Protein backbone atom coordinates (compact mmCIF):
# COMPACT_ATOMS: atom_id res chain seq x y z
CA MET A 1 0.55 4.70 -7.20
CA SER A 2 -1.80 7.44 -6.08
CA ALA A 3 0.48 10.11 -7.62
CA ILE A 4 0.39 8.25 -10.94
CA ARG A 5 -3.40 8.14 -10.78
CA ARG A 6 -3.59 11.86 -9.85
CA LEU A 7 -1.66 12.57 -13.05
CA GLY A 8 -4.42 10.78 -14.94
CA LYS A 9 -2.17 7.85 -15.80
CA SER A 10 -2.95 4.16 -15.52
CA ILE A 11 -0.87 1.28 -14.18
CA PRO A 12 0.20 -0.67 -16.26
CA ASP A 13 -1.36 0.86 -19.40
CA ASP A 14 0.69 4.09 -19.21
CA ILE A 15 3.36 3.24 -16.65
CA SER A 16 4.74 -0.09 -15.49
CA LEU A 17 5.59 -0.24 -11.79
CA ILE A 18 7.91 -2.68 -10.04
CA CYS A 19 9.23 -2.78 -6.49
CA PHE A 20 11.91 -4.58 -4.54
CA ASN A 21 10.93 -7.08 -1.88
CA ASP A 22 7.75 -9.09 -2.09
CA THR A 23 6.07 -8.17 1.18
CA PHE A 24 2.56 -7.21 2.24
CA PRO A 25 0.63 -5.48 0.68
CA CYS A 26 2.20 -6.02 -2.78
CA ASN A 27 -0.25 -8.76 -3.69
CA GLU A 28 -3.25 -7.09 -2.01
CA ILE A 29 -3.31 -3.67 -3.70
CA GLU A 30 -4.84 -2.92 -7.10
CA PRO A 31 -3.19 -3.65 -9.38
CA PRO A 32 -1.00 -6.19 -7.56
CA LEU A 33 2.66 -5.08 -7.76
CA THR A 34 5.31 -6.90 -9.74
CA CYS A 35 8.27 -7.39 -7.38
CA ILE A 36 11.79 -8.64 -7.07
CA ALA A 37 11.50 -11.14 -4.22
CA ALA A 38 14.50 -11.49 -1.94
CA PRO A 39 14.91 -14.26 0.67
CA ALA A 40 14.42 -12.14 3.80
CA GLU A 41 14.80 -15.01 6.26
CA ALA A 42 18.03 -16.24 4.64
CA MET A 43 19.38 -12.67 4.58
CA GLY A 44 18.60 -12.24 8.28
CA ASN A 45 20.20 -15.58 9.15
CA ALA A 46 23.36 -14.72 7.21
CA ALA A 47 23.58 -11.29 8.86
CA ALA A 48 23.10 -12.77 12.32
CA LYS A 49 25.80 -15.38 11.68
CA ILE A 50 28.25 -12.69 10.53
CA LEU A 51 27.43 -10.52 13.55
CA LEU A 52 27.83 -13.38 16.02
CA ASN A 53 31.11 -14.48 14.44
CA TRP A 54 32.39 -10.90 14.54
CA MET A 55 31.38 -10.51 18.19
CA GLU A 56 33.15 -13.76 19.03
CA SER A 57 36.35 -13.27 17.03
CA GLY A 58 36.59 -9.50 16.62
CA THR A 59 37.26 -9.85 12.88
CA LEU A 60 35.33 -10.52 9.70
CA GLU A 61 36.19 -13.44 7.48
CA ASP A 62 37.05 -12.54 3.87
CA ASP A 63 34.24 -14.77 2.61
CA GLN A 64 31.73 -12.86 4.74
CA GLN A 65 32.26 -9.52 3.02
CA ILE A 66 29.92 -10.28 0.10
CA ILE A 67 27.13 -12.83 0.21
CA ALA A 68 25.00 -13.45 -2.87
CA MET A 69 21.39 -14.35 -2.30
CA PRO A 70 19.03 -15.67 -4.96
CA GLU A 71 16.20 -13.43 -5.99
CA SER A 72 13.24 -13.98 -8.26
CA LEU A 73 10.87 -11.90 -10.31
CA VAL A 74 7.25 -12.16 -9.19
CA GLU A 75 5.22 -10.93 -12.14
CA ARG A 76 1.87 -9.40 -11.34
CA ARG A 77 -0.42 -6.94 -13.07
CA SER A 78 1.51 -3.70 -12.45
CA THR A 79 3.71 -4.22 -15.52
CA ALA A 80 2.95 -4.55 -19.21
CA SER A 81 4.77 -4.60 -22.51
CA PRO A 82 5.43 -1.16 -24.01
CA ALA A 83 2.63 0.16 -26.19
CA GLY A 84 2.94 -0.91 -29.80
CA THR A 85 4.82 -4.14 -29.04
CA THR A 86 3.57 -7.68 -29.00
C-alpha cells in the first residue's frame, strides 16, 4: 500500500487491492482491505486430523488428499469498480 502511495496512486481510485485471508490488520488499516476469508480454524483442524491419522496408520486416505473449504469475499473499501463503469 505504501508503494502504491509513493507512486502517487490512490486505493481504490487508481488501483483496487485485495488480499487472501481476513486477519488483523485488514480491517484496521486505511482503507480497510477487501479479502478472501478462509476458515483458518477448520483448516487447522482438518490438517491436524490428517496428520494424526497418518501418524497412527502410516498412510493417507484417498479422501484426505484434497479437502475443499468454503471461503467468502469480505468487501471493504480497497476495491472499486473500474473508472468509467457504473
